[in-house]
């Protein structure tokens, strides 16, 4: 029982922290661009409680489901400063989340190197999980499928002549997202296999260098 709880918490804690930073990055970027919607709703914070989704952030990870999500931060582009182009503003707020995860991943990797040199096994293991989680969150959220962040980036860059077709696809976004998650499982492949493999290789290289 203790091992089960430890394994779940080892996954849940870095997931909760990573999702909180991700959503805060959206809120902070929107606030810097003039939209105070998230701030007024109490979402311009690193407090995990403000961003938790009961199912995506707590229930599924505790049940051992290897992914999760937080409550989306509301963005209102009409409240951007007059000098901010709405499409550019939406792209910046969207990409801020994945970029924050890449930043956290870099910090975790540096922590892996330090803890490996100090032979702090438990902390090193925790940081490795946090590193992999942040890499996965960054890559997955950049997929151009609504409602993921990548779809807002794609929408901002979409040429006007393709907008009707894109809008039609966006209406099928949730179904497409479920298909992207579920179908690879039936086919025996993983959508994130390559980035996870590269991330694991990087962790191994860092540990080897730290131990040399």
N, C-alpha and C. Protein backbone atom coordinates (compact mmCIF):
# COMPACT_ATOMS: atom_id res chain seq x y z
N UNK A 1 0.83 -1.21 0.00
CA UNK A 1 0.00 0.00 0.00
C UNK A 1 0.87 1.26 0.00
N UNK A 2 1.93 1.22 0.82
CA UNK A 2 2.82 2.39 0.89
C UNK A 2 3.53 2.61 -0.43
N UNK A 3 3.96 1.50 -1.07
CA UNK A 3 4.63 1.63 -2.36
C UNK A 3 3.68 2.18 -3.42
N UNK A 4 2.40 1.74 -3.37
CA UNK A 4 1.40 2.22 -4.32
C UNK A 4 1.19 3.72 -4.14
N UNK A 5 1.03 4.15 -2.88
CA UNK A 5 0.80 5.56 -2.61
C UNK A 5 2.01 6.39 -3.00
N UNK A 6 3.19 5.89 -2.72
CA UNK A 6 4.41 6.62 -3.07
C UNK A 6 4.53 6.79 -4.58
N UNK A 7 4.23 5.72 -5.32
CA UNK A 7 4.31 5.78 -6.78
C UNK A 7 3.32 6.79 -7.34
N UNK A 8 2.10 6.81 -6.79
CA UNK A 8 1.09 7.74 -7.26
C UNK A 8 1.49 9.18 -6.95
N UNK A 9 1.99 9.41 -5.74
CA UNK A 9 2.37 10.78 -5.35
C UNK A 9 3.61 11.25 -6.12
N UNK A 10 4.50 10.32 -6.43
CA UNK A 10 5.69 10.67 -7.20
C UNK A 10 5.32 11.17 -8.58
N UNK A 11 4.18 10.70 -9.08
CA UNK A 11 3.68 11.18 -10.37
C UNK A 11 2.79 12.40 -10.19
N UNK A 12 1.91 12.36 -9.18
CA UNK A 12 0.91 13.43 -9.00
C UNK A 12 1.55 14.76 -8.65
N UNK A 13 2.52 14.76 -7.75
CA UNK A 13 3.10 16.03 -7.29
C UNK A 13 3.77 16.79 -8.43
N UNK A 14 4.68 16.18 -9.19
CA UNK A 14 5.27 16.95 -10.31
C UNK A 14 4.26 17.31 -11.38
N UNK A 15 3.24 16.45 -11.59
CA UNK A 15 2.21 16.78 -12.57
C UNK A 15 1.45 18.02 -12.13
N UNK A 16 1.05 18.06 -10.87
CA UNK A 16 0.29 19.20 -10.35
C UNK A 16 1.10 20.48 -10.43
N UNK A 17 2.37 20.41 -10.06
CA UNK A 17 3.23 21.60 -10.12
C UNK A 17 3.44 22.05 -11.56
N UNK A 18 3.65 21.09 -12.46
CA UNK A 18 3.91 21.43 -13.86
C UNK A 18 2.69 22.04 -14.52
N UNK A 19 1.50 21.47 -14.25
CA UNK A 19 0.27 22.02 -14.81
C UNK A 19 -0.01 23.41 -14.27
N UNK A 20 0.31 23.63 -13.00
CA UNK A 20 0.08 24.95 -12.39
C UNK A 20 0.95 26.01 -13.03
N UNK A 21 2.22 25.68 -13.26
CA UNK A 21 3.12 26.64 -13.93
C UNK A 21 2.64 26.88 -15.36
N UNK A 22 2.20 25.82 -16.02
CA UNK A 22 1.70 25.93 -17.39
C UNK A 22 0.53 26.92 -17.47
N UNK A 23 -0.45 26.75 -16.60
CA UNK A 23 -1.61 27.64 -16.64
C UNK A 23 -1.26 29.05 -16.18
N UNK A 24 -0.38 29.15 -15.19
CA UNK A 24 0.07 30.48 -14.76
C UNK A 24 0.74 31.22 -15.90
N UNK A 25 1.52 30.51 -16.71
CA UNK A 25 2.21 31.14 -17.84
C UNK A 25 1.21 31.71 -18.84
N UNK A 26 0.11 30.97 -19.09
CA UNK A 26 -0.94 31.51 -19.95
C UNK A 26 -1.50 32.80 -19.35
N UNK A 27 -1.84 32.74 -18.07
CA UNK A 27 -2.46 33.88 -17.40
C UNK A 27 -1.53 35.09 -17.35
N UNK A 28 -0.26 34.84 -17.04
CA UNK A 28 0.71 35.94 -16.92
C UNK A 28 0.93 36.61 -18.27
N UNK A 29 1.05 35.81 -19.33
CA UNK A 29 1.27 36.37 -20.65
C UNK A 29 0.07 37.21 -21.09
N UNK A 30 -1.14 36.70 -20.86
CA UNK A 30 -2.35 37.47 -21.20
C UNK A 30 -2.40 38.77 -20.41
N UNK A 31 -2.04 38.69 -19.13
CA UNK A 31 -2.04 39.89 -18.27
C UNK A 31 -1.03 40.92 -18.78
N UNK A 32 0.15 40.47 -19.19
CA UNK A 32 1.15 41.38 -19.72
C UNK A 32 0.69 42.02 -21.02
N UNK A 33 -0.18 41.33 -21.76
CA UNK A 33 -0.70 41.87 -23.02
C UNK A 33 -1.93 42.74 -22.81
N UNK A 34 -2.39 42.85 -21.56
CA UNK A 34 -3.51 43.73 -21.26
C UNK A 34 -4.80 43.06 -20.85
N UNK A 35 -4.86 41.72 -20.95
CA UNK A 35 -6.08 41.00 -20.59
C UNK A 35 -6.01 40.56 -19.13
N UNK A 36 -6.85 41.16 -18.29
CA UNK A 36 -6.83 40.83 -16.87
C UNK A 36 -7.91 39.82 -16.47
N UNK A 37 -8.49 39.13 -17.45
CA UNK A 37 -9.56 38.18 -17.16
C UNK A 37 -9.12 37.11 -16.16
N UNK A 38 -7.99 36.47 -16.42
CA UNK A 38 -7.50 35.42 -15.53
C UNK A 38 -7.16 35.97 -14.15
N UNK A 39 -6.60 37.17 -14.11
CA UNK A 39 -6.27 37.79 -12.83
C UNK A 39 -7.52 38.01 -12.00
N UNK A 40 -8.58 38.52 -12.62
CA UNK A 40 -9.82 38.79 -11.89
C UNK A 40 -10.48 37.52 -11.39
N UNK A 41 -10.19 36.40 -12.05
CA UNK A 41 -10.76 35.11 -11.64
C UNK A 41 -9.84 34.33 -10.71
N UNK A 42 -8.75 34.97 -10.28
CA UNK A 42 -7.85 34.32 -9.34
C UNK A 42 -6.92 33.30 -9.96
N UNK A 43 -6.71 33.36 -11.28
CA UNK A 43 -5.89 32.36 -11.95
C UNK A 43 -4.47 32.85 -12.22
N UNK A 44 -4.17 34.10 -11.90
CA UNK A 44 -2.80 34.60 -12.07
C UNK A 44 -2.01 34.26 -10.82
N UNK A 45 -1.82 32.97 -10.60
CA UNK A 45 -1.18 32.48 -9.39
C UNK A 45 -0.53 31.14 -9.67
N UNK A 46 0.48 30.83 -8.86
CA UNK A 46 1.13 29.52 -8.94
C UNK A 46 0.51 28.54 -7.95
N UNK A 47 -0.50 28.99 -7.22
CA UNK A 47 -1.18 28.11 -6.27
C UNK A 47 -1.89 26.99 -7.02
N UNK A 48 -1.48 25.74 -6.81
CA UNK A 48 -2.09 24.63 -7.57
C UNK A 48 -3.59 24.50 -7.38
N UNK A 49 -4.09 24.91 -6.23
CA UNK A 49 -5.53 24.77 -5.95
C UNK A 49 -6.35 25.56 -6.96
N UNK A 50 -5.83 26.70 -7.40
CA UNK A 50 -6.57 27.54 -8.33
C UNK A 50 -6.70 26.90 -9.71
N UNK A 51 -5.82 25.97 -10.02
CA UNK A 51 -5.79 25.39 -11.37
C UNK A 51 -6.25 23.94 -11.42
N UNK A 52 -6.50 23.33 -10.27
CA UNK A 52 -6.82 21.91 -10.23
C UNK A 52 -8.16 21.60 -10.88
N UNK A 53 -8.18 20.55 -11.66
CA UNK A 53 -9.41 19.96 -12.16
C UNK A 53 -9.61 18.66 -11.39
N UNK A 54 -10.77 18.46 -10.75
CA UNK A 54 -10.95 17.28 -9.90
C UNK A 54 -10.67 15.96 -10.60
N UNK A 55 -11.02 15.87 -11.87
CA UNK A 55 -10.81 14.61 -12.60
C UNK A 55 -9.42 14.56 -13.21
N UNK A 56 -9.08 15.58 -14.01
CA UNK A 56 -7.82 15.55 -14.76
C UNK A 56 -6.58 15.74 -13.92
N UNK A 57 -6.70 16.45 -12.79
CA UNK A 57 -5.52 16.74 -11.99
C UNK A 57 -5.38 15.82 -10.80
N UNK A 58 -6.49 15.26 -10.32
CA UNK A 58 -6.43 14.44 -9.12
C UNK A 58 -6.85 12.99 -9.35
N UNK A 59 -8.09 12.80 -9.80
CA UNK A 59 -8.64 11.45 -9.86
C UNK A 59 -7.87 10.53 -10.80
N UNK A 60 -7.72 10.94 -12.06
CA UNK A 60 -7.06 10.07 -13.04
C UNK A 60 -5.60 9.75 -12.66
N UNK A 61 -4.79 10.76 -12.27
CA UNK A 61 -3.42 10.43 -11.86
C UNK A 61 -3.36 9.48 -10.66
N UNK A 62 -4.29 9.66 -9.70
CA UNK A 62 -4.30 8.77 -8.53
C UNK A 62 -4.72 7.36 -8.91
N UNK A 63 -5.49 7.24 -9.99
CA UNK A 63 -5.88 5.92 -10.47
C UNK A 63 -4.81 5.27 -11.35
N UNK A 64 -3.74 6.03 -11.59
CA UNK A 64 -2.65 5.48 -12.38
C UNK A 64 -2.69 5.81 -13.84
N UNK A 65 -3.65 6.64 -14.27
CA UNK A 65 -3.71 7.05 -15.67
C UNK A 65 -2.54 8.00 -15.94
N UNK A 66 -1.69 7.71 -16.93
CA UNK A 66 -0.44 8.46 -17.10
C UNK A 66 -0.58 9.79 -17.83
N UNK A 67 -1.63 10.53 -17.58
CA UNK A 67 -1.73 11.89 -18.12
C UNK A 67 -2.75 12.65 -17.28
N UNK A 68 -2.84 13.94 -17.53
CA UNK A 68 -3.79 14.75 -16.78
C UNK A 68 -3.91 16.13 -17.38
N UNK A 69 -4.78 16.92 -16.81
CA UNK A 69 -4.97 18.28 -17.29
C UNK A 69 -5.45 19.16 -16.15
N UNK A 70 -5.34 20.46 -16.35
CA UNK A 70 -5.81 21.43 -15.37
C UNK A 70 -6.96 22.23 -15.99
N UNK A 71 -7.59 23.07 -15.18
CA UNK A 71 -8.64 23.94 -15.70
C UNK A 71 -8.02 24.96 -16.66
N UNK A 72 -8.56 25.08 -17.87
CA UNK A 72 -8.00 26.06 -18.82
C UNK A 72 -8.12 27.48 -18.29
N UNK A 73 -7.12 28.27 -18.56
CA UNK A 73 -7.16 29.69 -18.18
C UNK A 73 -7.96 30.46 -19.24
N UNK A 74 -8.96 31.24 -18.83
CA UNK A 74 -9.74 32.01 -19.81
C UNK A 74 -8.94 33.18 -20.36
N UNK A 75 -8.95 33.31 -21.67
CA UNK A 75 -8.26 34.41 -22.34
C UNK A 75 -9.30 35.17 -23.17
N UNK A 76 -9.31 36.48 -23.03
CA UNK A 76 -10.23 37.33 -23.80
C UNK A 76 -9.41 38.29 -24.65
N UNK A 77 -9.21 37.97 -25.93
CA UNK A 77 -8.34 38.81 -26.77
C UNK A 77 -8.87 40.21 -26.98
N UNK A 78 -10.17 40.43 -26.77
CA UNK A 78 -10.72 41.79 -26.94
C UNK A 78 -10.22 42.73 -25.84
N UNK A 79 -9.65 42.17 -24.79
CA UNK A 79 -9.13 42.98 -23.69
C UNK A 79 -7.62 43.22 -23.81
N UNK A 80 -7.01 42.70 -24.88
CA UNK A 80 -5.60 43.01 -25.11
C UNK A 80 -5.44 44.51 -25.31
N UNK A 81 -4.25 45.00 -25.02
CA UNK A 81 -3.95 46.42 -25.24
C UNK A 81 -4.15 46.76 -26.72
N UNK A 82 -4.55 48.00 -27.01
CA UNK A 82 -4.80 48.40 -28.41
C UNK A 82 -3.62 48.16 -29.34
N UNK A 83 -2.43 48.18 -28.79
CA UNK A 83 -1.24 47.99 -29.63
C UNK A 83 -0.97 46.52 -29.95
N UNK A 84 -1.74 45.60 -29.33
CA UNK A 84 -1.50 44.17 -29.50
C UNK A 84 -2.45 43.60 -30.56
N UNK A 85 -1.87 43.00 -31.58
CA UNK A 85 -2.68 42.31 -32.58
C UNK A 85 -3.31 41.08 -31.93
N UNK A 86 -4.62 40.89 -32.13
CA UNK A 86 -5.32 39.81 -31.44
C UNK A 86 -4.76 38.44 -31.79
N UNK A 87 -4.52 38.21 -33.08
CA UNK A 87 -4.00 36.89 -33.50
C UNK A 87 -2.62 36.64 -32.91
N UNK A 88 -1.78 37.65 -32.93
CA UNK A 88 -0.44 37.50 -32.36
C UNK A 88 -0.53 37.31 -30.85
N UNK A 89 -1.43 38.04 -30.21
CA UNK A 89 -1.61 37.91 -28.77
C UNK A 89 -2.07 36.52 -28.37
N UNK A 90 -3.01 35.97 -29.13
CA UNK A 90 -3.50 34.62 -28.84
C UNK A 90 -2.38 33.60 -29.03
N UNK A 91 -1.56 33.80 -30.05
CA UNK A 91 -0.45 32.87 -30.27
C UNK A 91 0.54 32.94 -29.12
N UNK A 92 0.85 34.14 -28.66
CA UNK A 92 1.80 34.30 -27.55
C UNK A 92 1.27 33.67 -26.27
N UNK A 93 0.00 33.90 -25.97
CA UNK A 93 -0.56 33.32 -24.75
C UNK A 93 -0.62 31.80 -24.85
N UNK A 94 -0.86 31.28 -26.04
CA UNK A 94 -0.93 29.83 -26.22
C UNK A 94 0.43 29.18 -26.05
N UNK A 95 1.43 29.74 -26.69
CA UNK A 95 2.75 29.11 -26.67
C UNK A 95 3.44 29.28 -25.31
N UNK A 96 2.96 30.22 -24.49
CA UNK A 96 3.58 30.44 -23.18
C UNK A 96 3.52 29.21 -22.30
N UNK A 97 2.42 28.44 -22.39
CA UNK A 97 2.29 27.25 -21.56
C UNK A 97 3.34 26.20 -21.87
N UNK A 98 3.42 25.72 -23.12
CA UNK A 98 4.46 24.75 -23.47
C UNK A 98 5.88 25.25 -23.22
N UNK A 99 6.13 26.54 -23.47
CA UNK A 99 7.47 27.09 -23.21
C UNK A 99 7.80 27.02 -21.73
N UNK A 100 6.81 27.25 -20.88
CA UNK A 100 7.06 27.16 -19.43
C UNK A 100 7.42 25.74 -19.04
N UNK A 101 6.81 24.76 -19.70
CA UNK A 101 7.14 23.36 -19.41
C UNK A 101 8.54 23.01 -19.88
N UNK A 102 8.95 23.56 -21.02
CA UNK A 102 10.32 23.33 -21.48
C UNK A 102 11.33 23.96 -20.53
N UNK A 103 10.98 25.12 -19.99
CA UNK A 103 11.85 25.77 -19.00
C UNK A 103 11.97 24.92 -17.74
N UNK A 104 10.82 24.39 -17.27
CA UNK A 104 10.85 23.51 -16.10
C UNK A 104 11.65 22.25 -16.39
N UNK A 105 11.51 21.73 -17.61
CA UNK A 105 12.26 20.53 -17.98
C UNK A 105 13.76 20.78 -17.90
N UNK A 106 14.19 21.96 -18.37
CA UNK A 106 15.61 22.30 -18.30
C UNK A 106 16.09 22.39 -16.86
N UNK A 107 15.27 22.99 -15.98
CA UNK A 107 15.64 23.08 -14.57
C UNK A 107 15.73 21.69 -13.93
N UNK A 108 14.76 20.84 -14.28
CA UNK A 108 14.76 19.48 -13.73
C UNK A 108 15.98 18.70 -14.19
N UNK A 109 16.36 18.88 -15.44
CA UNK A 109 17.53 18.17 -15.97
C UNK A 109 18.80 18.62 -15.26
N UNK A 110 18.89 19.92 -14.99
CA UNK A 110 20.03 20.43 -14.21
C UNK A 110 20.01 19.83 -12.81
N UNK A 111 18.80 19.69 -12.25
CA UNK A 111 18.67 19.06 -10.93
C UNK A 111 19.07 17.60 -10.95
N UNK A 112 18.75 16.90 -12.04
CA UNK A 112 19.16 15.50 -12.18
C UNK A 112 20.68 15.39 -12.15
N UNK A 113 21.35 16.29 -12.86
CA UNK A 113 22.81 16.27 -12.89
C UNK A 113 23.39 16.49 -11.49
N UNK A 114 22.79 17.46 -10.77
CA UNK A 114 23.29 17.78 -9.43
C UNK A 114 23.05 16.63 -8.46
N UNK A 115 21.83 16.11 -8.45
CA UNK A 115 21.50 15.04 -7.50
C UNK A 115 22.23 13.74 -7.85
N UNK A 116 22.50 13.51 -9.13
CA UNK A 116 23.26 12.33 -9.50
C UNK A 116 24.69 12.42 -8.97
N UNK A 117 25.24 13.60 -9.03
CA UNK A 117 26.61 13.79 -8.51
C UNK A 117 26.63 13.64 -6.99
N UNK A 118 25.54 14.09 -6.34
CA UNK A 118 25.47 14.00 -4.88
C UNK A 118 24.96 12.63 -4.43
N UNK A 119 24.61 11.78 -5.39
CA UNK A 119 24.08 10.45 -5.11
C UNK A 119 22.81 10.51 -4.25
N UNK A 120 21.96 11.49 -4.56
CA UNK A 120 20.67 11.62 -3.89
C UNK A 120 19.63 10.91 -4.75
N UNK A 121 19.55 9.60 -4.60
CA UNK A 121 18.76 8.77 -5.50
C UNK A 121 17.29 9.12 -5.57
N UNK A 122 16.64 9.29 -4.41
CA UNK A 122 15.20 9.55 -4.39
C UNK A 122 14.87 10.87 -5.08
N UNK A 123 15.63 11.90 -4.77
CA UNK A 123 15.38 13.21 -5.38
C UNK A 123 15.68 13.18 -6.88
N UNK A 124 16.72 12.46 -7.25
CA UNK A 124 17.06 12.35 -8.66
C UNK A 124 15.94 11.67 -9.43
N UNK A 125 15.36 10.62 -8.83
CA UNK A 125 14.24 9.91 -9.48
C UNK A 125 13.04 10.84 -9.64
N UNK A 126 12.75 11.62 -8.62
CA UNK A 126 11.63 12.58 -8.67
C UNK A 126 11.85 13.59 -9.79
N UNK A 127 13.07 14.10 -9.89
CA UNK A 127 13.38 15.10 -10.92
C UNK A 127 13.34 14.50 -12.33
N UNK A 128 13.72 13.25 -12.45
CA UNK A 128 13.63 12.59 -13.75
C UNK A 128 12.17 12.49 -14.21
N UNK A 129 11.29 12.12 -13.28
CA UNK A 129 9.87 12.05 -13.60
C UNK A 129 9.34 13.43 -13.99
N UNK A 130 9.73 14.45 -13.22
CA UNK A 130 9.28 15.82 -13.51
C UNK A 130 9.80 16.27 -14.87
N UNK A 131 11.04 15.91 -15.19
CA UNK A 131 11.62 16.26 -16.49
C UNK A 131 10.82 15.63 -17.62
N UNK A 132 10.56 14.34 -17.54
CA UNK A 132 9.82 13.64 -18.58
C UNK A 132 8.40 14.19 -18.71
N UNK A 133 7.76 14.46 -17.58
CA UNK A 133 6.40 15.01 -17.60
C UNK A 133 6.36 16.34 -18.34
N UNK A 134 7.32 17.19 -18.06
CA UNK A 134 7.32 18.51 -18.68
C UNK A 134 7.63 18.43 -20.17
N UNK A 135 8.49 17.51 -20.56
CA UNK A 135 8.74 17.31 -21.99
C UNK A 135 7.46 16.84 -22.67
N UNK A 136 6.78 15.87 -22.06
CA UNK A 136 5.54 15.34 -22.63
C UNK A 136 4.47 16.42 -22.70
N UNK A 137 4.32 17.20 -21.63
CA UNK A 137 3.31 18.26 -21.62
C UNK A 137 3.59 19.29 -22.72
N UNK A 138 4.86 19.65 -22.88
CA UNK A 138 5.20 20.63 -23.90
C UNK A 138 4.90 20.11 -25.30
N UNK A 139 5.35 18.89 -25.60
CA UNK A 139 5.16 18.33 -26.94
C UNK A 139 3.68 18.08 -27.22
N UNK A 140 2.99 17.47 -26.28
CA UNK A 140 1.59 17.14 -26.49
C UNK A 140 0.74 18.39 -26.69
N UNK A 141 0.97 19.41 -25.87
CA UNK A 141 0.16 20.61 -25.97
C UNK A 141 0.42 21.41 -27.24
N UNK A 142 1.53 21.15 -27.91
CA UNK A 142 1.82 21.85 -29.16
C UNK A 142 1.21 21.18 -30.37
N UNK A 143 0.55 20.03 -30.16
CA UNK A 143 -0.15 19.41 -31.29
C UNK A 143 -1.27 20.34 -31.77
N UNK A 144 -1.41 20.54 -33.07
CA UNK A 144 -2.41 21.50 -33.59
C UNK A 144 -3.82 20.91 -33.63
N UNK A 145 -4.28 20.47 -32.47
CA UNK A 145 -5.61 19.87 -32.35
C UNK A 145 -6.37 20.60 -31.25
N UNK A 146 -7.53 21.21 -31.56
CA UNK A 146 -8.31 21.87 -30.52
C UNK A 146 -8.72 20.86 -29.44
N UNK A 147 -8.71 21.23 -28.17
CA UNK A 147 -8.44 22.57 -27.64
C UNK A 147 -7.01 22.77 -27.16
N UNK A 148 -6.05 22.00 -27.66
CA UNK A 148 -4.67 22.12 -27.22
C UNK A 148 -4.07 23.46 -27.64
N UNK A 149 -2.99 23.84 -26.95
CA UNK A 149 -2.36 25.13 -27.23
C UNK A 149 -1.89 25.24 -28.67
N UNK A 150 -1.44 24.13 -29.24
CA UNK A 150 -0.98 24.15 -30.61
C UNK A 150 -2.05 24.57 -31.59
N UNK A 151 -3.31 24.30 -31.26
CA UNK A 151 -4.40 24.71 -32.16
C UNK A 151 -4.55 26.22 -32.18
N UNK A 152 -4.29 26.87 -31.05
CA UNK A 152 -4.38 28.33 -31.03
C UNK A 152 -3.21 28.95 -31.78
N UNK A 153 -2.07 28.30 -31.71
CA UNK A 153 -0.93 28.77 -32.51
C UNK A 153 -1.25 28.61 -33.99
N UNK A 154 -1.78 27.45 -34.36
CA UNK A 154 -2.14 27.20 -35.76
C UNK A 154 -3.21 28.17 -36.23
N UNK A 155 -4.18 28.44 -35.38
CA UNK A 155 -5.25 29.37 -35.75
C UNK A 155 -4.70 30.77 -36.00
N UNK A 156 -3.73 31.18 -35.18
CA UNK A 156 -3.15 32.51 -35.33
C UNK A 156 -2.32 32.63 -36.60
N UNK A 157 -1.74 31.53 -37.04
CA UNK A 157 -0.89 31.55 -38.23
C UNK A 157 -1.62 31.15 -39.50
N UNK A 158 -2.87 30.70 -39.35
CA UNK A 158 -3.62 30.18 -40.48
C UNK A 158 -3.92 31.27 -41.51
N UNK A 159 -3.55 31.07 -42.77
CA UNK A 159 -3.93 32.04 -43.82
C UNK A 159 -5.45 32.16 -43.90
N UNK A 160 -5.92 33.35 -44.21
CA UNK A 160 -7.36 33.61 -44.21
C UNK A 160 -8.11 32.68 -45.15
N UNK A 161 -7.49 32.30 -46.26
CA UNK A 161 -8.22 31.47 -47.23
C UNK A 161 -8.46 30.06 -46.72
N UNK A 162 -7.68 29.63 -45.73
CA UNK A 162 -7.87 28.30 -45.16
C UNK A 162 -8.72 28.32 -43.89
N UNK A 163 -9.11 29.51 -43.46
CA UNK A 163 -9.81 29.64 -42.19
C UNK A 163 -11.12 28.84 -42.13
N UNK A 164 -11.97 28.87 -43.19
CA UNK A 164 -13.21 28.09 -43.11
C UNK A 164 -12.96 26.60 -42.91
N UNK A 165 -11.98 26.04 -43.62
CA UNK A 165 -11.67 24.62 -43.46
C UNK A 165 -11.14 24.34 -42.06
N UNK A 166 -10.31 25.25 -41.57
CA UNK A 166 -9.77 25.09 -40.21
C UNK A 166 -10.88 25.17 -39.17
N UNK A 167 -11.81 26.10 -39.36
CA UNK A 167 -12.93 26.22 -38.41
C UNK A 167 -13.77 24.95 -38.40
N UNK A 168 -13.94 24.34 -39.57
CA UNK A 168 -14.67 23.08 -39.63
C UNK A 168 -13.96 21.98 -38.87
N UNK A 169 -12.63 21.92 -39.03
CA UNK A 169 -11.85 20.93 -38.30
C UNK A 169 -11.91 21.19 -36.80
N UNK A 170 -11.88 22.47 -36.42
CA UNK A 170 -11.89 22.82 -35.00
C UNK A 170 -13.15 22.31 -34.30
N UNK A 171 -14.27 22.26 -35.03
CA UNK A 171 -15.50 21.76 -34.43
C UNK A 171 -15.39 20.27 -34.10
N UNK A 172 -14.50 19.58 -34.79
CA UNK A 172 -14.29 18.15 -34.53
C UNK A 172 -13.11 17.93 -33.60
N UNK A 173 -12.56 19.03 -33.07
CA UNK A 173 -11.35 18.96 -32.26
C UNK A 173 -11.38 17.94 -31.13
N UNK A 174 -12.39 17.98 -30.25
CA UNK A 174 -12.42 17.02 -29.14
C UNK A 174 -12.41 15.57 -29.60
N UNK A 175 -13.18 15.27 -30.65
CA UNK A 175 -13.20 13.90 -31.18
C UNK A 175 -11.84 13.52 -31.77
N UNK A 176 -11.22 14.48 -32.47
CA UNK A 176 -9.90 14.22 -33.06
C UNK A 176 -8.86 14.00 -31.96
N UNK A 177 -8.98 14.75 -30.88
CA UNK A 177 -8.03 14.61 -29.78
C UNK A 177 -8.16 13.23 -29.13
N UNK A 178 -9.40 12.80 -28.92
CA UNK A 178 -9.63 11.47 -28.34
C UNK A 178 -9.05 10.39 -29.26
N UNK A 179 -9.27 10.57 -30.57
CA UNK A 179 -8.74 9.60 -31.53
C UNK A 179 -7.23 9.54 -31.49
N UNK A 180 -6.60 10.70 -31.38
CA UNK A 180 -5.14 10.76 -31.34
C UNK A 180 -4.59 10.08 -30.09
N UNK A 181 -5.35 10.15 -29.00
CA UNK A 181 -4.92 9.52 -27.75
C UNK A 181 -5.19 8.02 -27.75
N UNK A 182 -6.38 7.63 -28.23
CA UNK A 182 -6.82 6.24 -28.10
C UNK A 182 -6.32 5.34 -29.22
N UNK A 183 -6.41 5.79 -30.48
CA UNK A 183 -6.07 4.92 -31.61
C UNK A 183 -4.65 4.35 -31.55
N UNK A 184 -3.64 5.16 -31.21
CA UNK A 184 -2.29 4.57 -31.15
C UNK A 184 -2.20 3.40 -30.17
N UNK A 185 -3.03 3.42 -29.11
CA UNK A 185 -3.00 2.32 -28.15
C UNK A 185 -3.44 1.02 -28.80
N UNK A 186 -4.46 1.10 -29.66
CA UNK A 186 -4.94 -0.10 -30.36
C UNK A 186 -3.93 -0.57 -31.41
N UNK A 187 -3.17 0.37 -31.95
CA UNK A 187 -2.18 0.03 -32.98
C UNK A 187 -0.85 -0.39 -32.39
N UNK A 188 -0.75 -0.32 -31.07
CA UNK A 188 0.49 -0.73 -30.41
C UNK A 188 1.63 0.24 -30.58
N UNK A 189 1.29 1.51 -30.81
CA UNK A 189 2.33 2.54 -30.95
C UNK A 189 2.04 3.66 -29.97
N UNK A 190 3.01 4.52 -29.80
CA UNK A 190 2.84 5.68 -28.91
C UNK A 190 3.15 6.96 -29.68
N UNK A 191 2.23 7.89 -29.59
CA UNK A 191 2.40 9.16 -30.28
C UNK A 191 3.62 9.91 -29.77
N UNK A 192 3.94 9.69 -28.50
CA UNK A 192 5.03 10.43 -27.87
C UNK A 192 6.28 9.57 -27.69
N UNK A 193 6.33 8.45 -28.39
CA UNK A 193 7.45 7.52 -28.21
C UNK A 193 8.79 8.19 -28.53
N UNK A 194 8.84 8.92 -29.65
CA UNK A 194 10.12 9.52 -30.04
C UNK A 194 10.60 10.58 -29.05
N UNK A 195 9.75 11.57 -28.66
CA UNK A 195 10.24 12.56 -27.69
C UNK A 195 10.59 11.94 -26.34
N UNK A 196 9.82 10.91 -25.91
CA UNK A 196 10.13 10.26 -24.64
C UNK A 196 11.46 9.53 -24.73
N UNK A 197 11.69 8.86 -25.86
CA UNK A 197 12.96 8.15 -26.06
C UNK A 197 14.13 9.12 -26.04
N UNK A 198 13.97 10.26 -26.72
CA UNK A 198 15.04 11.25 -26.74
C UNK A 198 15.27 11.84 -25.35
N UNK A 199 14.17 12.08 -24.62
CA UNK A 199 14.29 12.63 -23.27
C UNK A 199 14.99 11.65 -22.34
N UNK A 200 14.64 10.37 -22.45
CA UNK A 200 15.28 9.36 -21.62
C UNK A 200 16.77 9.25 -21.95
N UNK A 201 17.08 9.34 -23.25
CA UNK A 201 18.48 9.31 -23.65
C UNK A 201 19.26 10.49 -23.08
N UNK A 202 18.61 11.64 -23.05
CA UNK A 202 19.26 12.84 -22.50
C UNK A 202 19.49 12.69 -21.00
N UNK A 203 18.50 12.11 -20.30
CA UNK A 203 18.67 11.87 -18.86
C UNK A 203 19.84 10.93 -18.62
N UNK A 204 19.92 9.85 -19.42
CA UNK A 204 21.02 8.91 -19.27
C UNK A 204 22.36 9.56 -19.50
N UNK A 205 22.44 10.41 -20.52
CA UNK A 205 23.69 11.09 -20.82
C UNK A 205 24.10 12.03 -19.69
N UNK A 206 23.11 12.74 -19.13
CA UNK A 206 23.40 13.67 -18.03
C UNK A 206 23.86 12.91 -16.81
N UNK A 207 23.22 11.80 -16.50
CA UNK A 207 23.62 11.00 -15.33
C UNK A 207 25.03 10.45 -15.53
N UNK A 208 25.33 10.02 -16.74
CA UNK A 208 26.67 9.48 -17.02
C UNK A 208 27.73 10.56 -16.87
N UNK A 209 27.46 11.75 -17.38
CA UNK A 209 28.42 12.84 -17.26
C UNK A 209 28.60 13.27 -15.81
N UNK A 210 27.47 13.27 -15.06
CA UNK A 210 27.55 13.70 -13.65
C UNK A 210 28.32 12.68 -12.82
N UNK A 211 28.26 11.41 -13.22
CA UNK A 211 28.94 10.39 -12.45
C UNK A 211 30.39 10.19 -12.83
N UNK A 212 30.79 10.81 -13.93
CA UNK A 212 32.18 10.62 -14.40
C UNK A 212 33.16 11.52 -13.68
